[in-house]
């Protein structure tokens, strides 16, 4: 699940700077090792996708429990698909 706040449309309308990305990985995903693995993979995938975000955008990515069993490439495909959906 992905949420995007585009500059000029919310309470942080006057915020300037680079896009920010935050991750929500609950205990439902698994033990700490699995949660941290998911966060590391998502962080790396999101870094590659930041160029498609408007400047000073705020993106929140919530990992669902199935993310613990997904491989690196599958997480990347899902993240890009979600980004395309929120940007369109």
PDB file of N, CA and C in Angstrom:
ATOM      1  N   UNK A   1       0.849  -1.155   0.000  1.00  0.00           N
ATOM      2  CA  UNK A   1       0.000   0.000   0.000  1.00  0.00           C
ATOM      3  C   UNK A   1       0.900   1.225   0.000  1.00  0.00           C
ATOM      4  N   UNK A   2       0.563   2.211  -0.832  1.00  0.00           N
ATOM      5  CA  UNK A   2       1.384   3.408  -0.968  1.00  0.00           C
ATOM      6  C   UNK A   2       0.494   4.638  -0.852  1.00  0.00           C
ATOM      7  N   UNK A   3       0.947   5.623  -0.086  1.00  0.00           N
ATOM      8  CA  UNK A   3       0.269   6.916   0.015  1.00  0.00           C
ATOM      9  C   UNK A   3       1.252   7.978  -0.443  1.00  0.00           C
ATOM     10  N   UNK A   4       0.759   8.961  -1.209  1.00  0.00           N
ATOM     11  CA  UNK A   4       1.617  10.025  -1.726  1.00  0.00           C
ATOM     12  C   UNK A   4       0.982  11.363  -1.423  1.00  0.00           C
ATOM     13  N   UNK A   5       1.753  12.263  -0.828  1.00  0.00           N
ATOM     14  CA  UNK A   5       1.336  13.637  -0.607  1.00  0.00           C
ATOM     15  C   UNK A   5       2.118  14.490  -1.590  1.00  0.00           C
ATOM     16  N   UNK A   6       1.404  15.114  -2.514  1.00  0.00           N
ATOM     17  CA  UNK A   6       2.048  15.958  -3.521  1.00  0.00           C
ATOM     18  C   UNK A   6       2.085  17.382  -2.981  1.00  0.00           C
ATOM     19  N   UNK A   7       3.178  18.105  -3.181  1.00  0.00           N
ATOM     20  CA  UNK A   7       3.287  19.466  -2.659  1.00  0.00           C
ATOM     21  C   UNK A   7       2.140  20.346  -3.149  1.00  0.00           C
ATOM     22  N   UNK A   8       1.675  21.201  -2.260  1.00  0.00           N
ATOM     23  CA  UNK A   8       0.619  22.131  -2.618  1.00  0.00           C
ATOM     24  C   UNK A   8      -0.776  21.564  -2.451  1.00  0.00           C
ATOM     25  N   UNK A   9      -0.893  20.328  -1.937  1.00  0.00           N
ATOM     26  CA  UNK A   9      -2.218  19.732  -1.810  1.00  0.00           C
ATOM     27  C   UNK A   9      -2.563  19.340  -0.381  1.00  0.00           C
ATOM     28  N   UNK A  10      -1.701  19.603   0.559  1.00  0.00           N
ATOM     29  CA  UNK A  10      -1.977  19.162   1.921  1.00  0.00           C
ATOM     30  C   UNK A  10      -1.458  20.152   2.942  1.00  0.00           C
ATOM     31  N   UNK A  11      -1.358  19.724   4.198  1.00  0.00           N
ATOM     32  CA  UNK A  11      -0.922  20.626   5.259  1.00  0.00           C
ATOM     33  C   UNK A  11       0.529  21.085   5.113  1.00  0.00           C
ATOM     34  N   UNK A  12       1.342  20.346   4.378  1.00  0.00           N
ATOM     35  CA  UNK A  12       2.744  20.730   4.174  1.00  0.00           C
ATOM     36  C   UNK A  12       2.935  21.392   2.822  1.00  0.00           C
ATOM     37  N   UNK A  13       1.990  22.223   2.392  1.00  0.00           N
ATOM     38  CA  UNK A  13       2.014  22.805   1.053  1.00  0.00           C
ATOM     39  C   UNK A  13       3.242  23.680   0.818  1.00  0.00           C
ATOM     40  N   UNK A  14       3.792  24.280   1.867  1.00  0.00           N
ATOM     41  CA  UNK A  14       4.934  25.168   1.684  1.00  0.00           C
ATOM     42  C   UNK A  14       6.272  24.467   1.913  1.00  0.00           C
ATOM     43  N   UNK A  15       6.265  23.164   2.089  1.00  0.00           N
ATOM     44  CA  UNK A  15       7.495  22.403   2.319  1.00  0.00           C
ATOM     45  C   UNK A  15       8.319  22.337   1.043  1.00  0.00           C
ATOM     46  N   UNK A  16       9.614  22.574   1.154  1.00  0.00           N
ATOM     47  CA  UNK A  16      10.509  22.492   0.006  1.00  0.00           C
ATOM     48  C   UNK A  16      11.563  21.429   0.274  1.00  0.00           C
ATOM     49  N   UNK A  17      12.185  20.950  -0.806  1.00  0.00           N
ATOM     50  CA  UNK A  17      13.262  19.986  -0.650  1.00  0.00           C
ATOM     51  C   UNK A  17      13.074  18.771  -1.518  1.00  0.00           C
ATOM     52  N   UNK A  18      13.825  17.738  -1.193  1.00  0.00           N
ATOM     53  CA  UNK A  18      13.776  16.490  -1.948  1.00  0.00           C
ATOM     54  C   UNK A  18      12.611  15.630  -1.467  1.00  0.00           C
ATOM     55  N   UNK A  19      12.203  14.665  -2.302  1.00  0.00           N
ATOM     56  CA  UNK A  19      11.146  13.742  -1.868  1.00  0.00           C
ATOM     57  C   UNK A  19      11.576  12.963  -0.624  1.00  0.00           C
ATOM     58  N   UNK A  20      10.611  12.677   0.235  1.00  0.00           N
ATOM     59  CA  UNK A  20      10.860  11.882   1.430  1.00  0.00           C
ATOM     60  C   UNK A  20      10.060  10.589   1.324  1.00  0.00           C
ATOM     61  N   UNK A  21      10.649   9.502   1.798  1.00  0.00           N
ATOM     62  CA  UNK A  21       9.984   8.203   1.771  1.00  0.00           C
ATOM     63  C   UNK A  21      10.039   7.610   3.172  1.00  0.00           C
ATOM     64  N   UNK A  22       8.895   7.120   3.633  1.00  0.00           N
ATOM     65  CA  UNK A  22       8.815   6.451   4.924  1.00  0.00           C
ATOM     66  C   UNK A  22       8.228   5.061   4.743  1.00  0.00           C
ATOM     67  N   UNK A  23       8.608   4.146   5.609  1.00  0.00           N
ATOM     68  CA  UNK A  23       8.158   2.759   5.501  1.00  0.00           C
ATOM     69  C   UNK A  23       7.461   2.337   6.783  1.00  0.00           C
ATOM     70  N   UNK A  24       6.345   1.638   6.631  1.00  0.00           N
ATOM     71  CA  UNK A  24       5.610   1.078   7.754  1.00  0.00           C
ATOM     72  C   UNK A  24       5.629  -0.434   7.570  1.00  0.00           C
ATOM     73  N   UNK A  25       6.337  -1.116   8.469  1.00  0.00           N
ATOM     74  CA  UNK A  25       6.436  -2.576   8.403  1.00  0.00           C
ATOM     75  C   UNK A  25       6.051  -3.092   9.791  1.00  0.00           C
ATOM     76  N   UNK A  26       4.827  -3.585   9.912  1.00  0.00           N
ATOM     77  CA  UNK A  26       4.314  -3.990  11.223  1.00  0.00           C
ATOM     78  C   UNK A  26       4.817  -5.378  11.620  1.00  0.00           C
ATOM     79  N   UNK A  27       4.543  -5.745  12.853  1.00  0.00           N
ATOM     80  CA  UNK A  27       4.942  -7.059  13.352  1.00  0.00           C
ATOM     81  C   UNK A  27       4.211  -8.189  12.649  1.00  0.00           C
ATOM     82  N   UNK A  28       3.124  -7.873  11.941  1.00  0.00           N
ATOM     83  CA  UNK A  28       2.400  -8.898  11.178  1.00  0.00           C
ATOM     84  C   UNK A  28       3.251  -9.434  10.030  1.00  0.00           C
ATOM     85  N   UNK A  29       4.255  -8.656   9.603  1.00  0.00           N
ATOM     86  CA  UNK A  29       5.143  -9.094   8.521  1.00  0.00           C
ATOM     87  C   UNK A  29       6.029 -10.233   8.995  1.00  0.00           C
ATOM     88  N   UNK A  30       6.398 -10.237  10.262  1.00  0.00           N
ATOM     89  CA  UNK A  30       7.232 -11.307  10.790  1.00  0.00           C
ATOM     90  C   UNK A  30       8.134 -10.805  11.894  1.00  0.00           C
ATOM     91  N   UNK A  31       9.099 -11.628  12.287  1.00  0.00           N
ATOM     92  CA  UNK A  31      10.036 -11.201  13.335  1.00  0.00           C
ATOM     93  C   UNK A  31      10.920 -10.052  12.843  1.00  0.00           C
ATOM     94  N   UNK A  32      11.682  -9.485  13.750  1.00  0.00           N
ATOM     95  CA  UNK A  32      12.488  -8.304  13.443  1.00  0.00           C
ATOM     96  C   UNK A  32      13.407  -8.513  12.247  1.00  0.00           C
ATOM     97  N   UNK A  33      13.995  -9.687  12.117  1.00  0.00           N
ATOM     98  CA  UNK A  33      14.905  -9.957  11.003  1.00  0.00           C
ATOM     99  C   UNK A  33      14.168  -9.833   9.673  1.00  0.00           C
ATOM    100  N   UNK A  34      12.975 -10.385   9.589  1.00  0.00           N
ATOM    101  CA  UNK A  34      12.190 -10.319   8.354  1.00  0.00           C
ATOM    102  C   UNK A  34      11.730  -8.892   8.080  1.00  0.00           C
ATOM    103  N   UNK A  35      11.301  -8.176   9.116  1.00  0.00           N
ATOM    104  CA  UNK A  35      10.858  -6.786   8.928  1.00  0.00           C
ATOM    105  C   UNK A  35      11.998  -5.918   8.435  1.00  0.00           C
ATOM    106  N   UNK A  36      13.174  -6.070   9.026  1.00  0.00           N
ATOM    107  CA  UNK A  36      14.319  -5.269   8.598  1.00  0.00           C
ATOM    108  C   UNK A  36      14.747  -5.615   7.180  1.00  0.00           C
ATOM    109  N   UNK A  37      14.667  -6.882   6.797  1.00  0.00           N
ATOM    110  CA  UNK A  37      14.998  -7.288   5.433  1.00  0.00           C
ATOM    111  C   UNK A  37      14.044  -6.618   4.442  1.00  0.00           C
ATOM    112  N   UNK A  38      12.762  -6.625   4.760  1.00  0.00           N
ATOM    113  CA  UNK A  38      11.766  -5.991   3.890  1.00  0.00           C
ATOM    114  C   UNK A  38      12.044  -4.493   3.783  1.00  0.00           C
ATOM    115  N   UNK A  39      12.350  -3.842   4.906  1.00  0.00           N
ATOM    116  CA  UNK A  39      12.644  -2.405   4.877  1.00  0.00           C
ATOM    117  C   UNK A  39      13.873  -2.103   4.029  1.00  0.00           C
ATOM    118  N   UNK A  40      14.928  -2.897   4.179  1.00  0.00           N
ATOM    119  CA  UNK A  40      16.143  -2.667   3.386  1.00  0.00           C
ATOM    120  C   UNK A  40      15.855  -2.811   1.904  1.00  0.00           C
ATOM    121  N   UNK A  41      15.115  -3.851   1.530  1.00  0.00           N
ATOM    122  CA  UNK A  41      14.799  -4.076   0.118  1.00  0.00           C
ATOM    123  C   UNK A  41      13.924  -2.957  -0.435  1.00  0.00           C
ATOM    124  N   UNK A  42      12.904  -2.562   0.324  1.00  0.00           N
ATOM    125  CA  UNK A  42      12.028  -1.484  -0.136  1.00  0.00           C
ATOM    126  C   UNK A  42      12.780  -0.160  -0.233  1.00  0.00           C
ATOM    127  N   UNK A  43      13.660   0.097   0.736  1.00  0.00           N
ATOM    128  CA  UNK A  43      14.437   1.338   0.715  1.00  0.00           C
ATOM    129  C   UNK A  43      15.294   1.410  -0.546  1.00  0.00           C
ATOM    130  N   UNK A  44      15.922   0.318  -0.894  1.00  0.00           N
ATOM    131  CA  UNK A  44      16.763   0.294  -2.086  1.00  0.00           C
ATOM    132  C   UNK A  44      15.920   0.455  -3.346  1.00  0.00           C
ATOM    133  N   UNK A  45      14.792  -0.217  -3.413  1.00  0.00           N
ATOM    134  CA  UNK A  45      13.912  -0.098  -4.576  1.00  0.00           C
ATOM    135  C   UNK A  45      13.354   1.324  -4.683  1.00  0.00           C
ATOM    136  N   UNK A  46      12.981   1.928  -3.562  1.00  0.00           N
ATOM    137  CA  UNK A  46      12.421   3.281  -3.583  1.00  0.00           C
ATOM    138  C   UNK A  46      13.466   4.295  -4.025  1.00  0.00           C
ATOM    139  N   UNK A  47      14.714   4.088  -3.637  1.00  0.00           N
ATOM    140  CA  UNK A  47      15.783   5.006  -4.027  1.00  0.00           C
ATOM    141  C   UNK A  47      15.883   5.102  -5.545  1.00  0.00           C
ATOM    142  N   UNK A  48      15.671   3.980  -6.221  1.00  0.00           N
ATOM    143  CA  UNK A  48      15.733   3.975  -7.678  1.00  0.00           C
ATOM    144  C   UNK A  48      14.522   4.666  -8.296  1.00  0.00           C
ATOM    145  N   UNK A  49      13.427   4.770  -7.562  1.00  0.00           N
ATOM    146  CA  UNK A  49      12.185   5.330  -8.098  1.00  0.00           C
ATOM    147  C   UNK A  49      11.975   6.791  -7.719  1.00  0.00           C
ATOM    148  N   UNK A  50      12.859   7.381  -6.931  1.00  0.00           N
ATOM    149  CA  UNK A  50      12.666   8.754  -6.480  1.00  0.00           C
ATOM    150  C   UNK A  50      12.659   9.759  -7.619  1.00  0.00           C
ATOM    151  N   UNK A  51      13.333   9.457  -8.711  1.00  0.00           N
ATOM    152  CA  UNK A  51      13.386  10.413  -9.818  1.00  0.00           C
ATOM    153  C   UNK A  51      12.007  10.638 -10.427  1.00  0.00           C
ATOM    154  N   UNK A  52      11.087   9.695 -10.278  1.00  0.00           N
ATOM    155  CA  UNK A  52       9.747   9.844 -10.823  1.00  0.00           C
ATOM    156  C   UNK A  52       8.805  10.630  -9.931  1.00  0.00           C
ATOM    157  N   UNK A  53       9.253  10.972  -8.715  1.00  0.00           N
ATOM    158  CA  UNK A  53       8.397  11.701  -7.782  1.00  0.00           C
ATOM    159  C   UNK A  53       8.589  13.200  -7.937  1.00  0.00           C
ATOM    160  N   UNK A  54       7.519  13.974  -7.743  1.00  0.00           N
ATOM    161  CA  UNK A  54       7.669  15.429  -7.762  1.00  0.00           C
ATOM    162  C   UNK A  54       8.542  15.877  -6.594  1.00  0.00           C
ATOM    163  N   UNK A  55       9.235  16.996  -6.760  1.00  0.00           N
ATOM    164  CA  UNK A  55      10.071  17.520  -5.690  1.00  0.00           C
ATOM    165  C   UNK A  55       9.259  17.792  -4.443  1.00  0.00           C
ATOM    166  N   UNK A  56       9.828  17.565  -3.314  1.00  0.00           N
ATOM    167  CA  UNK A  56       9.253  17.737  -1.980  1.00  0.00           C
ATOM    168  C   UNK A  56       8.009  16.881  -1.740  1.00  0.00           C
ATOM    169  N   UNK A  57       7.838  15.807  -2.491  1.00  0.00           N
ATOM    170  CA  UNK A  57       6.732  14.871  -2.255  1.00  0.00           C
ATOM    171  C   UNK A  57       7.034  14.030  -1.019  1.00  0.00           C
ATOM    172  N   UNK A  58       5.984  13.558  -0.374  1.00  0.00           N
ATOM    173  CA  UNK A  58       6.113  12.673   0.782  1.00  0.00           C
ATOM    174  C   UNK A  58       5.422  11.365   0.428  1.00  0.00           C
ATOM    175  N   UNK A  59       6.172  10.275   0.468  1.00  0.00           N
ATOM    176  CA  UNK A  59       5.660   8.959   0.099  1.00  0.00           C
ATOM    177  C   UNK A  59       5.717   8.045   1.315  1.00  0.00           C
ATOM    178  N   UNK A  60       4.626   7.351   1.588  1.00  0.00           N
ATOM    179  CA  UNK A  60       4.579   6.381   2.683  1.00  0.00           C
ATOM    180  C   UNK A  60       4.267   5.020   2.086  1.00  0.00           C
ATOM    181  N   UNK A  61       5.139   4.051   2.349  1.00  0.00           N
ATOM    182  CA  UNK A  61       4.980   2.695   1.834  1.00  0.00           C
ATOM    183  C   UNK A  61       4.676   1.781   3.015  1.00  0.00           C
ATOM    184  N   UNK A  62       3.557   1.080   2.939  1.00  0.00           N
ATOM    185  CA  UNK A  62       3.182   0.131   3.994  1.00  0.00           C
ATOM    186  C   UNK A  62       3.349  -1.276   3.451  1.00  0.00           C
ATOM    187  N   UNK A  63       4.195  -2.054   4.099  1.00  0.00           N
ATOM    188  CA  UNK A  63       4.440  -3.431   3.672  1.00  0.00           C
ATOM    189  C   UNK A  63       3.385  -4.347   4.276  1.00  0.00           C
ATOM    190  N   UNK A  64       2.789  -5.162   3.439  1.00  0.00           N
ATOM    191  CA  UNK A  64       1.813  -6.145   3.891  1.00  0.00           C
ATOM    192  C   UNK A  64       2.535  -7.437   4.282  1.00  0.00           C
ATOM    193  N   UNK A  65       1.901  -8.321   5.036  1.00  0.00           N
ATOM    194  CA  UNK A  65       2.574  -9.548   5.488  1.00  0.00           C
ATOM    195  C   UNK A  65       3.178 -10.390   4.368  1.00  0.00           C
ATOM    196  N   UNK A  66       2.594 -10.376   3.182  1.00  0.00           N
ATOM    197  CA  UNK A  66       3.137 -11.166   2.069  1.00  0.00           C
ATOM    198  C   UNK A  66       4.512 -10.672   1.630  1.00  0.00           C
ATOM    199  N   UNK A  67       4.888  -9.450   2.008  1.00  0.00           N
ATOM    200  CA  UNK A  67       6.190  -8.905   1.624  1.00  0.00           C
ATOM    201  C   UNK A  67       7.339  -9.708   2.222  1.00  0.00           C
ATOM    202  N   UNK A  68       7.115 -10.375   3.342  1.00  0.00           N
ATOM    203  CA  UNK A  68       8.180 -11.159   3.980  1.00  0.00           C
ATOM    204  C   UNK A  68       8.621 -12.319   3.105  1.00  0.00           C
ATOM    205  N   UNK A  69       7.705 -12.868   2.309  1.00  0.00           N
ATOM    206  CA  UNK A  69       8.029 -14.013   1.458  1.00  0.00           C
ATOM    207  C   UNK A  69       8.384 -13.614   0.035  1.00  0.00           C
ATOM    208  N   UNK A  70       8.213 -12.339  -0.306  1.00  0.00           N
ATOM    209  CA  UNK A  70       8.489 -11.882  -1.672  1.00  0.00           C
ATOM    210  C   UNK A  70       9.989 -11.689  -1.862  1.00  0.00           C
ATOM    211  N   UNK A  71      10.469 -11.993  -3.059  1.00  0.00           N
ATOM    212  CA  UNK A  71      11.887 -11.757  -3.325  1.00  0.00           C
ATOM    213  C   UNK A  71      12.102 -10.297  -3.736  1.00  0.00           C
ATOM    214  N   UNK A  72      13.364  -9.930  -3.906  1.00  0.00           N
ATOM    215  CA  UNK A  72      13.743  -8.546  -4.184  1.00  0.00           C
ATOM    216  C   UNK A  72      13.055  -8.005  -5.432  1.00  0.00           C
ATOM    217  N   UNK A  73      13.082  -8.774  -6.514  1.00  0.00           N
ATOM    218  CA  UNK A  73      12.499  -8.309  -7.769  1.00  0.00           C
ATOM    219  C   UNK A  73      10.988  -8.151  -7.665  1.00  0.00           C
ATOM    220  N   UNK A  74      10.317  -9.054  -6.963  1.00  0.00           N
ATOM    221  CA  UNK A  74       8.865  -8.963  -6.809  1.00  0.00           C
ATOM    222  C   UNK A  74       8.480  -7.711  -6.019  1.00  0.00           C
ATOM    223  N   UNK A  75       9.252  -7.380  -4.984  1.00  0.00           N
ATOM    224  CA  UNK A  75       8.982  -6.156  -4.234  1.00  0.00           C
ATOM    225  C   UNK A  75       9.147  -4.932  -5.124  1.00  0.00           C
ATOM    226  N   UNK A  76      10.166  -4.947  -5.973  1.00  0.00           N
ATOM    227  CA  UNK A  76      10.391  -3.824  -6.879  1.00  0.00           C
ATOM    228  C   UNK A  76       9.258  -3.646  -7.872  1.00  0.00           C
ATOM    229  N   UNK A  77       8.785  -4.748  -8.424  1.00  0.00           N
ATOM    230  CA  UNK A  77       7.672  -4.685  -9.378  1.00  0.00           C
ATOM    231  C   UNK A  77       6.426  -4.141  -8.684  1.00  0.00           C
ATOM    232  N   UNK A  78       6.137  -4.632  -7.488  1.00  0.00           N
ATOM    233  CA  UNK A  78       4.960  -4.161  -6.752  1.00  0.00           C
ATOM    234  C   UNK A  78       5.073  -2.683  -6.403  1.00  0.00           C
ATOM    235  N   UNK A  79       6.249  -2.255  -5.971  1.00  0.00           N
ATOM    236  CA  UNK A  79       6.440  -0.854  -5.611  1.00  0.00           C
ATOM    237  C   UNK A  79       6.267   0.046  -6.825  1.00  0.00           C
ATOM    238  N   UNK A  80       6.869  -0.319  -7.953  1.00  0.00           N
ATOM    239  CA  UNK A  80       6.726   0.500  -9.167  1.00  0.00           C
ATOM    240  C   UNK A  80       5.279   0.554  -9.638  1.00  0.00           C
ATOM    241  N   UNK A  81       4.564  -0.566  -9.538  1.00  0.00           N
ATOM    242  CA  UNK A  81       3.163  -0.594  -9.939  1.00  0.00           C
ATOM    243  C   UNK A  81       2.339   0.341  -9.045  1.00  0.00           C
ATOM    244  N   UNK A  82       2.604   0.320  -7.749  1.00  0.00           N
ATOM    245  CA  UNK A  82       1.886   1.203  -6.829  1.00  0.00           C
ATOM    246  C   UNK A  82       2.211   2.670  -7.100  1.00  0.00           C
ATOM    247  N   UNK A  83       3.475   2.956  -7.383  1.00  0.00           N
ATOM    248  CA  UNK A  83       3.857   4.335  -7.689  1.00  0.00           C
ATOM    249  C   UNK A  83       3.180   4.825  -8.959  1.00  0.00           C
ATOM    250  N   UNK A  84       3.133   3.987  -9.978  1.00  0.00           N
ATOM    251  CA  UNK A  84       2.450   4.375 -11.211  1.00  0.00           C
ATOM    252  C   UNK A  84       0.984   4.671 -10.936  1.00  0.00           C
ATOM    253  N   UNK A  85       0.373   3.879 -10.074  1.00  0.00           N
ATOM    254  CA  UNK A  85      -1.045   4.064  -9.755  1.00  0.00           C
ATOM    255  C   UNK A  85      -1.280   5.397  -9.039  1.00  0.00           C
ATOM    256  N   UNK A  86      -0.444   5.750  -8.064  1.00  0.00           N
ATOM    257  CA  UNK A  86      -0.679   6.995  -7.325  1.00  0.00           C
ATOM    258  C   UNK A  86      -0.253   8.224  -8.118  1.00  0.00           C
ATOM    259  N   UNK A  87       0.663   8.067  -9.059  1.00  0.00           N
ATOM    260  CA  UNK A  87       1.101   9.210  -9.858  1.00  0.00           C
ATOM    261  C   UNK A  87       0.186   9.492 -11.041  1.00  0.00           C
ATOM    262  N   UNK A  88      -0.669   8.543 -11.399  1.00  0.00           N
ATOM    263  CA  UNK A  88      -1.540   8.773 -12.560  1.00  0.00           C
ATOM    264  C   UNK A  88      -2.824   9.475 -12.179  1.00  0.00           C
TER     265      UNK A  88
END
